[in-house]
Amino acid sequence: MNTTQVPPATRPAARRSPTRLVVVAVGGIGLSALLVWSVVKFASQNPEKANLGDPVFNVGGAERLSKEIDDRGPFLFQDPLSLGRGRNLYVQHLGDDPGTGWSAIEARLPDDEACAVTFDRDREEFVDCRGDAHPPDGEGLVTYPGVVKGGRVRVDLRTGSNNGTTSTSGAANS
């Protein structure tokens, strides 16, 4: 008897119940939502570790900005690297050469994030919520160095340092 022509036995197709398909689909959607939620939560609580963009803030043209700062004082920006409220930053230029003298200064105290810092144009100094004054270079505040490359100001927001801790009382400067 020749059995080489007989097709192999096939198993009947397993029937998938609609309930099982729905349970698997809902489980997959739930796991995906949990993963997205975890990533968003991590990024919002650790913006410096999230690495969602370029850590260098490209501020703009050095010539134009230095003239504007000479006329109006430092510019206030919201930190482009943070999610949510983030760090507000003043971009400051000191000196006559647009190619040097750049920095960004956090607009809050290093030891009290709720304490806002503003720039007083009349006094030409930063003043915090306690009335303490800080010089135009941001001494006593967190600062970030700025460089000029290709005529444009760039600030590396990963390299902040607490530029001293000295401040003067607002009452003494009145």
C-alpha atoms as a PDB file:
ATOM      1  CA  MET A   1       0.000   0.000   0.000  1.00  0.00           C
ATOM      2  CA  ASN A   2       1.328   3.417  -1.024  1.00  0.00           C
ATOM      3  CA  THR A   3       0.927   5.975   1.805  1.00  0.00           C
ATOM      4  CA  THR A   4       3.121   8.711   0.379  1.00  0.00           C
ATOM      5  CA  GLN A   5       0.104  10.317  -1.295  1.00  0.00           C
ATOM      6  CA  VAL A   6      -1.981  10.552   1.860  1.00  0.00           C
ATOM      7  CA  PRO A   7      -2.012  14.086   3.290  1.00  0.00           C
ATOM      8  CA  PRO A   8      -0.907  14.369   6.902  1.00  0.00           C
ATOM      9  CA  ALA A   9      -3.605  14.607   9.500  1.00  0.00           C
ATOM     10  CA  THR A  10      -4.434  18.191  10.456  1.00  0.00           C
ATOM     11  CA  ARG A  11      -5.680  19.408  13.765  1.00  0.00           C
ATOM     12  CA  PRO A  12      -8.901  21.320  13.728  1.00  0.00           C
ATOM     13  CA  ALA A  13      -8.353  25.072  14.218  1.00  0.00           C
ATOM     14  CA  ALA A  14      -8.595  26.111  17.839  1.00  0.00           C
ATOM     15  CA  ARG A  15     -11.574  28.306  18.409  1.00  0.00           C
ATOM     16  CA  ARG A  16     -10.833  31.520  20.215  1.00  0.00           C
ATOM     17  CA  SER A  17     -13.598  32.766  22.350  1.00  0.00           C
ATOM     18  CA  PRO A  18     -14.515  36.465  22.018  1.00  0.00           C
ATOM     19  CA  THR A  19     -14.239  36.815  25.806  1.00  0.00           C
ATOM     20  CA  ARG A  20     -10.632  35.632  25.757  1.00  0.00           C
ATOM     21  CA  LEU A  21      -9.766  38.077  22.963  1.00  0.00           C
ATOM     22  CA  VAL A  22     -11.312  40.987  24.886  1.00  0.00           C
ATOM     23  CA  VAL A  23      -9.450  40.062  28.079  1.00  0.00           C
ATOM     24  CA  VAL A  24      -6.106  39.886  26.244  1.00  0.00           C
ATOM     25  CA  ALA A  25      -6.763  43.224  24.440  1.00  0.00           C
ATOM     26  CA  VAL A  26      -7.783  45.013  27.654  1.00  0.00           C
ATOM     27  CA  GLY A  27      -4.733  43.594  29.454  1.00  0.00           C
ATOM     28  CA  GLY A  28      -2.429  44.839  26.679  1.00  0.00           C
ATOM     29  CA  ILE A  29      -3.987  48.297  26.757  1.00  0.00           C
ATOM     30  CA  GLY A  30      -3.686  48.385  30.540  1.00  0.00           C
ATOM     31  CA  LEU A  31       0.006  47.440  30.451  1.00  0.00           C
ATOM     32  CA  SER A  32       0.674  50.059  27.764  1.00  0.00           C
ATOM     33  CA  ALA A  33      -1.093  52.738  29.811  1.00  0.00           C
ATOM     34  CA  LEU A  34       0.908  51.741  32.902  1.00  0.00           C
ATOM     35  CA  LEU A  35       4.175  52.007  30.965  1.00  0.00           C
ATOM     36  CA  VAL A  36       3.289  55.457  29.571  1.00  0.00           C
ATOM     37  CA  TRP A  37       2.202  56.676  33.020  1.00  0.00           C
ATOM     38  CA  SER A  38       5.475  55.434  34.565  1.00  0.00           C
ATOM     39  CA  VAL A  39       7.611  57.210  31.951  1.00  0.00           C
ATOM     40  CA  VAL A  40       5.676  60.488  32.291  1.00  0.00           C
ATOM     41  CA  LYS A  41       5.857  60.347  36.100  1.00  0.00           C
ATOM     42  CA  PHE A  42       9.606  59.693  36.047  1.00  0.00           C
ATOM     43  CA  ALA A  43      10.229  62.501  33.544  1.00  0.00           C
ATOM     44  CA  SER A  44       8.161  65.017  35.495  1.00  0.00           C
ATOM     45  CA  GLN A  45       9.886  64.196  38.803  1.00  0.00           C
ATOM     46  CA  ASN A  46      13.402  63.934  37.326  1.00  0.00           C
ATOM     47  CA  PRO A  47      13.630  66.390  34.420  1.00  0.00           C
ATOM     48  CA  GLU A  48      17.423  66.453  34.602  1.00  0.00           C
ATOM     49  CA  LYS A  49      17.535  62.667  34.116  1.00  0.00           C
ATOM     50  CA  ALA A  50      14.755  62.390  31.543  1.00  0.00           C
ATOM     51  CA  ASN A  51      16.982  63.612  28.698  1.00  0.00           C
ATOM     52  CA  LEU A  52      14.046  64.694  26.539  1.00  0.00           C
ATOM     53  CA  GLY A  53      15.920  67.287  24.536  1.00  0.00           C
ATOM     54  CA  ASP A  54      19.097  69.200  23.981  1.00  0.00           C
ATOM     55  CA  PRO A  55      20.555  70.214  27.369  1.00  0.00           C
ATOM     56  CA  VAL A  56      22.019  73.344  25.798  1.00  0.00           C
ATOM     57  CA  PHE A  57      19.737  76.372  25.665  1.00  0.00           C
ATOM     58  CA  ASN A  58      20.296  78.302  22.424  1.00  0.00           C
ATOM     59  CA  VAL A  59      19.369  81.801  23.548  1.00  0.00           C
ATOM     60  CA  GLY A  60      19.944  83.854  20.389  1.00  0.00           C
ATOM     61  CA  GLY A  61      22.278  86.288  18.677  1.00  0.00           C
ATOM     62  CA  ALA A  62      24.949  87.699  21.004  1.00  0.00           C
ATOM     63  CA  GLU A  63      25.177  91.177  19.420  1.00  0.00           C
ATOM     64  CA  ARG A  64      21.431  91.844  19.543  1.00  0.00           C
ATOM     65  CA  LEU A  65      20.888  90.325  23.000  1.00  0.00           C
ATOM     66  CA  SER A  66      23.800  92.188  24.589  1.00  0.00           C
ATOM     67  CA  LYS A  67      22.351  95.507  23.366  1.00  0.00           C
ATOM     68  CA  GLU A  68      18.882  94.580  24.642  1.00  0.00           C
ATOM     69  CA  ILE A  69      20.239  93.572  28.050  1.00  0.00           C
ATOM     70  CA  ASP A  70      22.233  96.803  28.277  1.00  0.00           C
ATOM     71  CA  ASP A  71      19.000  98.728  27.620  1.00  0.00           C
ATOM     72  CA  ARG A  72      16.448  96.663  29.558  1.00  0.00           C
ATOM     73  CA  GLY A  73      18.267  94.312  31.917  1.00  0.00           C
ATOM     74  CA  PRO A  74      18.470  90.515  31.819  1.00  0.00           C
ATOM     75  CA  PHE A  75      15.822  88.492  29.985  1.00  0.00           C
ATOM     76  CA  LEU A  76      13.559  86.104  31.895  1.00  0.00           C
ATOM     77  CA  PHE A  77      12.932  82.695  30.269  1.00  0.00           C
ATOM     78  CA  GLN A  78      11.171  79.519  31.354  1.00  0.00           C
ATOM     79  CA  ASP A  79      13.642  76.632  31.421  1.00  0.00           C
ATOM     80  CA  PRO A  80      13.309  74.861  28.079  1.00  0.00           C
ATOM     81  CA  LEU A  81      14.431  71.527  29.532  1.00  0.00           C
ATOM     82  CA  SER A  82      11.879  71.058  32.255  1.00  0.00           C
ATOM     83  CA  LEU A  83       8.384  69.683  32.242  1.00  0.00           C
ATOM     84  CA  GLY A  84       5.673  71.496  34.130  1.00  0.00           C
ATOM     85  CA  ARG A  85       6.635  74.657  36.045  1.00  0.00           C
ATOM     86  CA  GLY A  86      10.366  74.162  35.751  1.00  0.00           C
ATOM     87  CA  ARG A  87      13.094  76.665  36.487  1.00  0.00           C
ATOM     88  CA  ASN A  88      12.729  80.248  35.391  1.00  0.00           C
ATOM     89  CA  LEU A  89      16.050  81.683  34.242  1.00  0.00           C
ATOM     90  CA  TYR A  90      17.446  85.137  33.683  1.00  0.00           C
ATOM     91  CA  VAL A  91      19.914  85.384  30.829  1.00  0.00           C
ATOM     92  CA  GLN A  92      22.493  87.973  31.811  1.00  0.00           C
ATOM     93  CA  HIS A  93      25.341  89.684  29.967  1.00  0.00           C
ATOM     94  CA  LEU A  94      28.022  91.636  31.787  1.00  0.00           C
ATOM     95  CA  GLY A  95      30.761  93.663  30.106  1.00  0.00           C
ATOM     96  CA  ASP A  96      31.240  95.405  26.782  1.00  0.00           C
ATOM     97  CA  ASP A  97      32.212  92.396  24.642  1.00  0.00           C
ATOM     98  CA  PRO A  98      29.199  90.477  23.239  1.00  0.00           C
ATOM     99  CA  GLY A  99      31.472  87.440  22.849  1.00  0.00           C
ATOM    100  CA  THR A 100      32.003  86.995  26.605  1.00  0.00           C
ATOM    101  CA  GLY A 101      30.294  87.639  29.951  1.00  0.00           C
ATOM    102  CA  TRP A 102      27.171  85.472  29.478  1.00  0.00           C
ATOM    103  CA  SER A 103      25.329  83.446  32.115  1.00  0.00           C
ATOM    104  CA  ALA A 104      21.889  82.208  33.067  1.00  0.00           C
ATOM    105  CA  ILE A 105      20.718  82.704  36.639  1.00  0.00           C
ATOM    106  CA  GLU A 106      17.888  80.783  38.300  1.00  0.00           C
ATOM    107  CA  ALA A 107      15.025  83.044  39.303  1.00  0.00           C
ATOM    108  CA  ARG A 108      14.608  81.337  42.677  1.00  0.00           C
ATOM    109  CA  LEU A 109      16.728  80.784  45.754  1.00  0.00           C
ATOM    110  CA  PRO A 110      18.829  77.609  45.885  1.00  0.00           C
ATOM    111  CA  ASP A 111      17.511  76.704  49.349  1.00  0.00           C
ATOM    112  CA  ASP A 112      13.888  77.770  48.770  1.00  0.00           C
ATOM    113  CA  GLU A 113      12.343  77.000  45.373  1.00  0.00           C
ATOM    114  CA  ALA A 114       9.204  78.933  46.314  1.00  0.00           C
ATOM    115  CA  CYS A 115      11.186  82.148  46.827  1.00  0.00           C
ATOM    116  CA  ALA A 116      11.161  84.031  43.519  1.00  0.00           C
ATOM    117  CA  VAL A 117      13.999  86.274  42.434  1.00  0.00           C
ATOM    118  CA  THR A 118      13.389  89.365  40.285  1.00  0.00           C
ATOM    119  CA  PHE A 119      15.714  91.871  38.669  1.00  0.00           C
ATOM    120  CA  ASP A 120      15.410  95.452  39.920  1.00  0.00           C
ATOM    121  CA  ARG A 121      16.401  97.667  36.970  1.00  0.00           C
ATOM    122  CA  ASP A 122      16.710 100.810  39.072  1.00  0.00           C
ATOM    123  CA  ARG A 123      19.127  99.175  41.532  1.00  0.00           C
ATOM    124  CA  GLU A 124      20.685  96.929  38.840  1.00  0.00           C
ATOM    125  CA  GLU A 125      20.605  93.859  41.085  1.00  0.00           C
ATOM    126  CA  PHE A 126      18.557  90.764  41.728  1.00  0.00           C
ATOM    127  CA  VAL A 127      16.177  90.850  44.691  1.00  0.00           C
ATOM    128  CA  ASP A 128      14.651  87.742  46.259  1.00  0.00           C
ATOM    129  CA  CYS A 129      11.312  87.334  48.048  1.00  0.00           C
ATOM    130  CA  ARG A 130      12.996  88.021  51.396  1.00  0.00           C
ATOM    131  CA  GLY A 131      14.224  91.413  50.213  1.00  0.00           C
ATOM    132  CA  ASP A 132      17.848  90.276  50.006  1.00  0.00           C
ATOM    133  CA  ALA A 133      19.864  91.686  47.102  1.00  0.00           C
ATOM    134  CA  HIS A 134      22.206  89.733  44.835  1.00  0.00           C
ATOM    135  CA  PRO A 135      24.682  91.378  42.458  1.00  0.00           C
ATOM    136  CA  PRO A 136      24.179  91.328  38.667  1.00  0.00           C
ATOM    137  CA  ASP A 137      26.498  88.313  38.291  1.00  0.00           C
ATOM    138  CA  GLY A 138      24.063  86.223  40.374  1.00  0.00           C
ATOM    139  CA  GLU A 139      26.304  85.700  43.382  1.00  0.00           C
ATOM    140  CA  GLY A 140      24.375  83.633  45.927  1.00  0.00           C
ATOM    141  CA  LEU A 141      22.101  82.159  43.243  1.00  0.00           C
ATOM    142  CA  VAL A 142      22.414  79.139  40.964  1.00  0.00           C
ATOM    143  CA  THR A 143      24.161  80.192  37.763  1.00  0.00           C
ATOM    144  CA  TYR A 144      24.920  78.490  34.452  1.00  0.00           C
ATOM    145  CA  PRO A 145      27.815  79.608  32.247  1.00  0.00           C
ATOM    146  CA  GLY A 146      27.072  80.917  28.781  1.00  0.00           C
ATOM    147  CA  VAL A 147      29.321  80.806  25.714  1.00  0.00           C
ATOM    148  CA  VAL A 148      29.109  82.347  22.274  1.00  0.00           C
ATOM    149  CA  LYS A 149      29.504  79.988  19.316  1.00  0.00           C
ATOM    150  CA  GLY A 150      28.951  81.215  15.799  1.00  0.00           C
ATOM    151  CA  GLY A 151      27.666  84.533  17.135  1.00  0.00           C
ATOM    152  CA  ARG A 152      24.913  82.844  19.179  1.00  0.00           C
ATOM    153  CA  VAL A 153      24.642  82.585  22.962  1.00  0.00           C
ATOM    154  CA  ARG A 154      24.433  79.021  24.317  1.00  0.00           C
ATOM    155  CA  VAL A 155      23.895  78.052  27.965  1.00  0.00           C
ATOM    156  CA  ASP A 156      24.537  74.505  29.197  1.00  0.00           C
ATOM    157  CA  LEU A 157      21.774  73.867  31.735  1.00  0.00           C
ATOM    158  CA  ARG A 158      23.456  70.760  33.144  1.00  0.00           C
ATOM    159  CA  THR A 159      26.316  72.740  34.680  1.00  0.00           C
ATOM    160  CA  GLY A 160      24.634  74.903  37.310  1.00  0.00           C
ATOM    161  CA  SER A 161      26.577  75.963  40.348  1.00  0.00           C
ATOM    162  CA  ASN A 162      25.691  77.879  43.459  1.00  0.00           C
ATOM    163  CA  ASN A 163      27.736  81.006  42.820  1.00  0.00           C
ATOM    164  CA  GLY A 164      28.598  81.769  46.431  1.00  0.00           C
ATOM    165  CA  THR A 165      26.111  82.336  49.202  1.00  0.00           C
ATOM    166  CA  THR A 166      26.610  86.003  49.891  1.00  0.00           C
ATOM    167  CA  SER A 167      23.655  88.337  49.663  1.00  0.00           C
ATOM    168  CA  THR A 168      22.935  91.675  51.226  1.00  0.00           C
ATOM    169  CA  SER A 169      19.832  92.591  53.110  1.00  0.00           C
ATOM    170  CA  GLY A 170      17.301  94.666  51.236  1.00  0.00           C
ATOM    171  CA  ALA A 171      16.928  96.853  54.290  1.00  0.00           C
ATOM    172  CA  ALA A 172      20.589  97.793  54.150  1.00  0.00           C
ATOM    173  CA  ASN A 173      20.282  98.903  50.536  1.00  0.00           C
ATOM    174  CA  SER A 174      17.229 101.089  50.975  1.00  0.00           C
END
